[in-house]
Amino acid sequence: MDFHEGELSLLFTDDKRIAELNQKYLKRQGPTNVIAFPMLAGSPPHLPSGMLGDVVISVDTALSESRELGEPLQ
């Protein structure tokens, strides 16, 4: 795999904030577990280096899903 160094932004937030982002950028109502915003085009194995994008994770939803599945949140 041809891999170059890259940077990824992570935001851990709550259901309220991720629902706002979900509505604003994806036109979907309600919270979700993860939203990804890619910055650069490309597909493996030839991803460009630099800023890859942003990932937003709802801790509220992740905790709820882990409880439903009986799995620890890791």
PDB file of N, CA and C in Angstrom:
ATOM      1  N   MET A   1       0.847  -1.175   0.000  1.00  0.00           N
ATOM      2  CA  MET A   1       0.000   0.000   0.000  1.00  0.00           C
ATOM      3  C   MET A   1       0.891   1.237   0.000  1.00  0.00           C
ATOM      4  N   ASP A   2       0.608   2.157  -0.870  1.00  0.00           N
ATOM      5  CA  ASP A   2       1.359   3.402  -0.975  1.00  0.00           C
ATOM      6  C   ASP A   2       0.773   4.400   0.012  1.00  0.00           C
ATOM      7  N   PHE A   3       1.410   4.539   1.189  1.00  0.00           N
ATOM      8  CA  PHE A   3       0.862   5.373   2.250  1.00  0.00           C
ATOM      9  C   PHE A   3       1.721   6.611   2.447  1.00  0.00           C
ATOM     10  N   HIS A   4       1.062   7.744   2.552  1.00  0.00           N
ATOM     11  CA  HIS A   4       1.732   9.006   2.860  1.00  0.00           C
ATOM     12  C   HIS A   4       1.183   9.533   4.177  1.00  0.00           C
ATOM     13  N   GLU A   5       1.991  10.321   4.855  1.00  0.00           N
ATOM     14  CA  GLU A   5       1.563  10.894   6.116  1.00  0.00           C
ATOM     15  C   GLU A   5       0.345  11.784   5.912  1.00  0.00           C
ATOM     16  N   GLY A   6      -0.579  11.726   6.852  1.00  0.00           N
ATOM     17  CA  GLY A   6      -1.779  12.550   6.756  1.00  0.00           C
ATOM     18  C   GLY A   6      -2.251  12.990   8.121  1.00  0.00           C
ATOM     19  N   GLU A   7      -3.149  13.940   8.123  1.00  0.00           N
ATOM     20  CA  GLU A   7      -3.693  14.483   9.359  1.00  0.00           C
ATOM     21  C   GLU A   7      -5.206  14.313   9.334  1.00  0.00           C
ATOM     22  N   LEU A   8      -5.763  13.960  10.494  1.00  0.00           N
ATOM     23  CA  LEU A   8      -7.193  13.739  10.622  1.00  0.00           C
ATOM     24  C   LEU A   8      -7.674  14.458  11.875  1.00  0.00           C
ATOM     25  N   SER A   9      -8.724  15.230  11.742  1.00  0.00           N
ATOM     26  CA  SER A   9      -9.301  15.944  12.877  1.00  0.00           C
ATOM     27  C   SER A   9     -10.421  15.105  13.482  1.00  0.00           C
ATOM     28  N   LEU A  10     -10.401  14.935  14.811  1.00  0.00           N
ATOM     29  CA  LEU A  10     -11.450  14.197  15.525  1.00  0.00           C
ATOM     30  C   LEU A  10     -12.163  15.135  16.490  1.00  0.00           C
ATOM     31  N   LEU A  11     -13.488  15.092  16.471  1.00  0.00           N
ATOM     32  CA  LEU A  11     -14.291  15.857  17.418  1.00  0.00           C
ATOM     33  C   LEU A  11     -15.212  14.887  18.145  1.00  0.00           C
ATOM     34  N   PHE A  12     -15.076  14.816  19.464  1.00  0.00           N
ATOM     35  CA  PHE A  12     -15.974  14.021  20.300  1.00  0.00           C
ATOM     36  C   PHE A  12     -17.002  14.991  20.875  1.00  0.00           C
ATOM     37  N   THR A  13     -18.280  14.713  20.631  1.00  0.00           N
ATOM     38  CA  THR A  13     -19.326  15.650  21.016  1.00  0.00           C
ATOM     39  C   THR A  13     -20.544  14.904  21.549  1.00  0.00           C
ATOM     40  N   ASP A  14     -21.632  15.627  21.756  1.00  0.00           N
ATOM     41  CA  ASP A  14     -22.862  15.011  22.258  1.00  0.00           C
ATOM     42  C   ASP A  14     -23.907  14.915  21.144  1.00  0.00           C
ATOM     43  N   ASP A  15     -25.040  14.290  21.464  1.00  0.00           N
ATOM     44  CA  ASP A  15     -26.097  14.095  20.471  1.00  0.00           C
ATOM     45  C   ASP A  15     -26.654  15.417  19.940  1.00  0.00           C
ATOM     46  N   LYS A  16     -26.763  16.415  20.810  1.00  0.00           N
ATOM     47  CA  LYS A  16     -27.316  17.705  20.379  1.00  0.00           C
ATOM     48  C   LYS A  16     -26.464  18.313  19.271  1.00  0.00           C
ATOM     49  N   ARG A  17     -25.170  18.357  19.474  1.00  0.00           N
ATOM     50  CA  ARG A  17     -24.278  18.989  18.490  1.00  0.00           C
ATOM     51  C   ARG A  17     -24.187  18.169  17.208  1.00  0.00           C
ATOM     52  N   ILE A  18     -24.096  16.844  17.307  1.00  0.00           N
ATOM     53  CA  ILE A  18     -23.979  16.049  16.085  1.00  0.00           C
ATOM     54  C   ILE A  18     -25.290  16.100  15.292  1.00  0.00           C
ATOM     55  N   ALA A  19     -26.437  16.239  15.978  1.00  0.00           N
ATOM     56  CA  ALA A  19     -27.716  16.391  15.275  1.00  0.00           C
ATOM     57  C   ALA A  19     -27.736  17.706  14.496  1.00  0.00           C
ATOM     58  N   GLU A  20     -27.176  18.769  15.084  1.00  0.00           N
ATOM     59  CA  GLU A  20     -27.079  20.056  14.381  1.00  0.00           C
ATOM     60  C   GLU A  20     -26.216  19.928  13.128  1.00  0.00           C
ATOM     61  N   LEU A  21     -25.074  19.261  13.254  1.00  0.00           N
ATOM     62  CA  LEU A  21     -24.184  19.068  12.103  1.00  0.00           C
ATOM     63  C   LEU A  21     -24.827  18.165  11.053  1.00  0.00           C
ATOM     64  N   ASN A  22     -25.525  17.141  11.502  1.00  0.00           N
ATOM     65  CA  ASN A  22     -26.205  16.216  10.606  1.00  0.00           C
ATOM     66  C   ASN A  22     -27.241  16.963   9.755  1.00  0.00           C
ATOM     67  N   GLN A  23     -28.007  17.848  10.400  1.00  0.00           N
ATOM     68  CA  GLN A  23     -29.017  18.635   9.688  1.00  0.00           C
ATOM     69  C   GLN A  23     -28.361  19.644   8.742  1.00  0.00           C
ATOM     70  N   LYS A  24     -27.361  20.353   9.239  1.00  0.00           N
ATOM     71  CA  LYS A  24     -26.724  21.418   8.453  1.00  0.00           C
ATOM     72  C   LYS A  24     -26.023  20.882   7.207  1.00  0.00           C
ATOM     73  N   TYR A  25     -25.254  19.825   7.349  1.00  0.00           N
ATOM     74  CA  TYR A  25     -24.416  19.362   6.240  1.00  0.00           C
ATOM     75  C   TYR A  25     -24.994  18.194   5.447  1.00  0.00           C
ATOM     76  N   LEU A  26     -25.791  17.346   6.093  1.00  0.00           N
ATOM     77  CA  LEU A  26     -26.313  16.165   5.396  1.00  0.00           C
ATOM     78  C   LEU A  26     -27.825  16.216   5.195  1.00  0.00           C
ATOM     79  N   LYS A  27     -28.465  17.262   5.751  1.00  0.00           N
ATOM     80  CA  LYS A  27     -29.923  17.434   5.634  1.00  0.00           C
ATOM     81  C   LYS A  27     -30.685  16.240   6.202  1.00  0.00           C
ATOM     82  N   ARG A  28     -30.137  15.663   7.273  1.00  0.00           N
ATOM     83  CA  ARG A  28     -30.771  14.535   7.962  1.00  0.00           C
ATOM     84  C   ARG A  28     -31.114  14.963   9.380  1.00  0.00           C
ATOM     85  N   GLN A  29     -32.265  14.512   9.859  1.00  0.00           N
ATOM     86  CA  GLN A  29     -32.694  14.888  11.201  1.00  0.00           C
ATOM     87  C   GLN A  29     -32.194  13.898  12.240  1.00  0.00           C
ATOM     88  N   GLY A  30     -31.875  14.436  13.404  1.00  0.00           N
ATOM     89  CA  GLY A  30     -31.522  13.610  14.546  1.00  0.00           C
ATOM     90  C   GLY A  30     -30.044  13.291  14.639  1.00  0.00           C
ATOM     91  N   PRO A  31     -29.672  12.728  15.790  1.00  0.00           N
ATOM     92  CA  PRO A  31     -28.269  12.373  16.009  1.00  0.00           C
ATOM     93  C   PRO A  31     -27.882  11.110  15.247  1.00  0.00           C
ATOM     94  N   THR A  32     -26.606  10.928  15.096  1.00  0.00           N
ATOM     95  CA  THR A  32     -26.026   9.730  14.498  1.00  0.00           C
ATOM     96  C   THR A  32     -24.751   9.414  15.261  1.00  0.00           C
ATOM     97  N   ASN A  33     -24.154   8.267  15.022  1.00  0.00           N
ATOM     98  CA  ASN A  33     -22.947   7.915  15.776  1.00  0.00           C
ATOM     99  C   ASN A  33     -21.705   8.634  15.249  1.00  0.00           C
ATOM    100  N   VAL A  34     -21.545   8.680  13.924  1.00  0.00           N
ATOM    101  CA  VAL A  34     -20.336   9.259  13.325  1.00  0.00           C
ATOM    102  C   VAL A  34     -20.693   9.992  12.037  1.00  0.00           C
ATOM    103  N   ILE A  35     -20.058  11.141  11.819  1.00  0.00           N
ATOM    104  CA  ILE A  35     -20.123  11.840  10.535  1.00  0.00           C
ATOM    105  C   ILE A  35     -18.682  12.080  10.095  1.00  0.00           C
ATOM    106  N   ALA A  36     -18.387  11.780   8.842  1.00  0.00           N
ATOM    107  CA  ALA A  36     -17.046  12.005   8.290  1.00  0.00           C
ATOM    108  C   ALA A  36     -17.128  13.041   7.176  1.00  0.00           C
ATOM    109  N   PHE A  37     -16.185  13.972   7.203  1.00  0.00           N
ATOM    110  CA  PHE A  37     -16.089  15.013   6.191  1.00  0.00           C
ATOM    111  C   PHE A  37     -14.720  14.913   5.517  1.00  0.00           C
ATOM    112  N   PRO A  38     -14.631  14.213   4.387  1.00  0.00           N
ATOM    113  CA  PRO A  38     -13.337  14.100   3.702  1.00  0.00           C
ATOM    114  C   PRO A  38     -12.923  15.441   3.100  1.00  0.00           C
ATOM    115  N   MET A  39     -11.619  15.734   3.138  1.00  0.00           N
ATOM    116  CA  MET A  39     -11.088  16.977   2.576  1.00  0.00           C
ATOM    117  C   MET A  39     -10.516  16.779   1.183  1.00  0.00           C
ATOM    118  N   LEU A  40     -10.005  15.592   0.942  1.00  0.00           N
ATOM    119  CA  LEU A  40      -9.325  15.330  -0.320  1.00  0.00           C
ATOM    120  C   LEU A  40      -9.955  14.144  -1.025  1.00  0.00           C
ATOM    121  N   ALA A  41      -9.914  14.179  -2.331  1.00  0.00           N
ATOM    122  CA  ALA A  41     -10.410  13.048  -3.113  1.00  0.00           C
ATOM    123  C   ALA A  41      -9.300  12.019  -3.259  1.00  0.00           C
ATOM    124  N   GLY A  42      -9.678  10.803  -3.442  1.00  0.00           N
ATOM    125  CA  GLY A  42      -8.704   9.735  -3.629  1.00  0.00           C
ATOM    126  C   GLY A  42      -9.260   8.454  -3.053  1.00  0.00           C
ATOM    127  N   SER A  43      -8.678   7.368  -3.428  1.00  0.00           N
ATOM    128  CA  SER A  43      -9.108   6.089  -2.891  1.00  0.00           C
ATOM    129  C   SER A  43      -7.879   5.229  -2.656  1.00  0.00           C
ATOM    130  N   PRO A  44      -7.953   4.341  -1.666  1.00  0.00           N
ATOM    131  CA  PRO A  44      -6.816   3.472  -1.401  1.00  0.00           C
ATOM    132  C   PRO A  44      -6.466   2.682  -2.644  1.00  0.00           C
ATOM    133  N   PRO A  45      -5.245   2.375  -2.898  1.00  0.00           N
ATOM    134  CA  PRO A  45      -4.097   2.620  -2.020  1.00  0.00           C
ATOM    135  C   PRO A  45      -3.370   3.919  -2.320  1.00  0.00           C
ATOM    136  N   HIS A  46      -3.964   4.843  -3.058  1.00  0.00           N
ATOM    137  CA  HIS A  46      -3.264   6.061  -3.466  1.00  0.00           C
ATOM    138  C   HIS A  46      -3.890   7.313  -2.865  1.00  0.00           C
ATOM    139  N   LEU A  47      -4.016   7.337  -1.553  1.00  0.00           N
ATOM    140  CA  LEU A  47      -4.537   8.515  -0.886  1.00  0.00           C
ATOM    141  C   LEU A  47      -3.479   9.604  -0.860  1.00  0.00           C
ATOM    142  N   PRO A  48      -3.856  10.840  -1.119  1.00  0.00           N
ATOM    143  CA  PRO A  48      -2.884  11.925  -1.061  1.00  0.00           C
ATOM    144  C   PRO A  48      -2.490  12.221   0.384  1.00  0.00           C
ATOM    145  N   SER A  49      -1.352  12.837   0.568  1.00  0.00           N
ATOM    146  CA  SER A  49      -0.933  13.222   1.916  1.00  0.00           C
ATOM    147  C   SER A  49      -1.546  14.577   2.250  1.00  0.00           C
ATOM    148  N   GLY A  50      -1.438  14.973   3.507  1.00  0.00           N
ATOM    149  CA  GLY A  50      -1.992  16.247   3.944  1.00  0.00           C
ATOM    150  C   GLY A  50      -3.194  16.034   4.830  1.00  0.00           C
ATOM    151  N   MET A  51      -4.047  17.058   4.888  1.00  0.00           N
ATOM    152  CA  MET A  51      -5.249  16.995   5.711  1.00  0.00           C
ATOM    153  C   MET A  51      -6.268  16.078   5.054  1.00  0.00           C
ATOM    154  N   LEU A  52      -6.599  14.975   5.721  1.00  0.00           N
ATOM    155  CA  LEU A  52      -7.524  13.989   5.162  1.00  0.00           C
ATOM    156  C   LEU A  52      -8.983  14.359   5.388  1.00  0.00           C
ATOM    157  N   GLY A  53      -9.275  14.989   6.526  1.00  0.00           N
ATOM    158  CA  GLY A  53     -10.649  15.391   6.787  1.00  0.00           C
ATOM    159  C   GLY A  53     -10.973  15.441   8.264  1.00  0.00           C
ATOM    160  N   ASP A  54     -12.270  15.541   8.545  1.00  0.00           N
ATOM    161  CA  ASP A  54     -12.775  15.641   9.907  1.00  0.00           C
ATOM    162  C   ASP A  54     -13.700  14.464  10.194  1.00  0.00           C
ATOM    163  N   VAL A  55     -13.625  13.957  11.411  1.00  0.00           N
ATOM    164  CA  VAL A  55     -14.532  12.908  11.871  1.00  0.00           C
ATOM    165  C   VAL A  55     -15.171  13.403  13.166  1.00  0.00           C
ATOM    166  N   VAL A  56     -16.501  13.376  13.201  1.00  0.00           N
ATOM    167  CA  VAL A  56     -17.250  13.808  14.378  1.00  0.00           C
ATOM    168  C   VAL A  56     -17.919  12.573  14.977  1.00  0.00           C
ATOM    169  N   ILE A  57     -17.717  12.356  16.268  1.00  0.00           N
ATOM    170  CA  ILE A  57     -18.253  11.181  16.957  1.00  0.00           C
ATOM    171  C   ILE A  57     -19.143  11.638  18.108  1.00  0.00           C
ATOM    172  N   SER A  58     -20.372  11.121  18.147  1.00  0.00           N
ATOM    173  CA  SER A  58     -21.254  11.399  19.273  1.00  0.00           C
ATOM    174  C   SER A  58     -20.975  10.387  20.376  1.00  0.00           C
ATOM    175  N   VAL A  59     -20.469  10.868  21.488  1.00  0.00           N
ATOM    176  CA  VAL A  59     -20.193   9.991  22.627  1.00  0.00           C
ATOM    177  C   VAL A  59     -21.510   9.446  23.184  1.00  0.00           C
ATOM    178  N   ASP A  60     -22.564  10.277  23.187  1.00  0.00           N
ATOM    179  CA  ASP A  60     -23.877   9.823  23.667  1.00  0.00           C
ATOM    180  C   ASP A  60     -24.358   8.605  22.879  1.00  0.00           C
ATOM    181  N   THR A  61     -24.333   8.704  21.560  1.00  0.00           N
ATOM    182  CA  THR A  61     -24.812   7.605  20.718  1.00  0.00           C
ATOM    183  C   THR A  61     -23.883   6.404  20.802  1.00  0.00           C
ATOM    184  N   ALA A  62     -22.587   6.644  20.856  1.00  0.00           N
ATOM    185  CA  ALA A  62     -21.634   5.535  20.970  1.00  0.00           C
ATOM    186  C   ALA A  62     -21.868   4.757  22.268  1.00  0.00           C
ATOM    187  N   LEU A  63     -22.096   5.469  23.375  1.00  0.00           N
ATOM    188  CA  LEU A  63     -22.384   4.802  24.652  1.00  0.00           C
ATOM    189  C   LEU A  63     -23.692   4.021  24.583  1.00  0.00           C
ATOM    190  N   SER A  64     -24.718   4.622  24.005  1.00  0.00           N
ATOM    191  CA  SER A  64     -26.013   3.959  23.873  1.00  0.00           C
ATOM    192  C   SER A  64     -25.905   2.693  23.028  1.00  0.00           C
ATOM    193  N   GLU A  65     -25.197   2.778  21.900  1.00  0.00           N
ATOM    194  CA  GLU A  65     -25.031   1.615  21.030  1.00  0.00           C
ATOM    195  C   GLU A  65     -24.210   0.517  21.704  1.00  0.00           C
ATOM    196  N   SER A  66     -23.196   0.905  22.476  1.00  0.00           N
ATOM    197  CA  SER A  66     -22.383  -0.113  23.149  1.00  0.00           C
ATOM    198  C   SER A  66     -23.209  -0.850  24.202  1.00  0.00           C
ATOM    199  N   ARG A  67     -24.082  -0.121  24.902  1.00  0.00           N
ATOM    200  CA  ARG A  67     -24.961  -0.758  25.895  1.00  0.00           C
ATOM    201  C   ARG A  67     -25.947  -1.714  25.217  1.00  0.00           C
ATOM    202  N   GLU A  68     -26.541  -1.264  24.099  1.00  0.00           N
ATOM    203  CA  GLU A  68     -27.497  -2.106  23.362  1.00  0.00           C
ATOM    204  C   GLU A  68     -26.852  -3.407  22.891  1.00  0.00           C
ATOM    205  N   LEU A  69     -25.591  -3.326  22.487  1.00  0.00           N
ATOM    206  CA  LEU A  69     -24.883  -4.497  21.971  1.00  0.00           C
ATOM    207  C   LEU A  69     -24.199  -5.312  23.067  1.00  0.00           C
ATOM    208  N   GLY A  70     -24.188  -4.781  24.299  1.00  0.00           N
ATOM    209  CA  GLY A  70     -23.517  -5.470  25.392  1.00  0.00           C
ATOM    210  C   GLY A  70     -22.010  -5.497  25.228  1.00  0.00           C
ATOM    211  N   GLU A  71     -21.493  -4.477  24.571  1.00  0.00           N
ATOM    212  CA  GLU A  71     -20.049  -4.379  24.323  1.00  0.00           C
ATOM    213  C   GLU A  71     -19.489  -3.161  25.042  1.00  0.00           C
ATOM    214  N   PRO A  72     -18.258  -3.246  25.550  1.00  0.00           N
ATOM    215  CA  PRO A  72     -17.654  -2.070  26.171  1.00  0.00           C
ATOM    216  C   PRO A  72     -17.294  -1.032  25.108  1.00  0.00           C
ATOM    217  N   LEU A  73     -17.380   0.226  25.485  1.00  0.00           N
ATOM    218  CA  LEU A  73     -16.978   1.304  24.583  1.00  0.00           C
ATOM    219  C   LEU A  73     -15.468   1.452  24.666  1.00  0.00           C
ATOM    220  N   GLN A  74     -14.804   1.199  23.559  1.00  0.00           N
ATOM    221  CA  GLN A  74     -13.332   1.273  23.536  1.00  0.00           C
ATOM    222  C   GLN A  74     -12.876   2.182  22.440  1.00  0.00           C
TER     223      GLN A  74
END
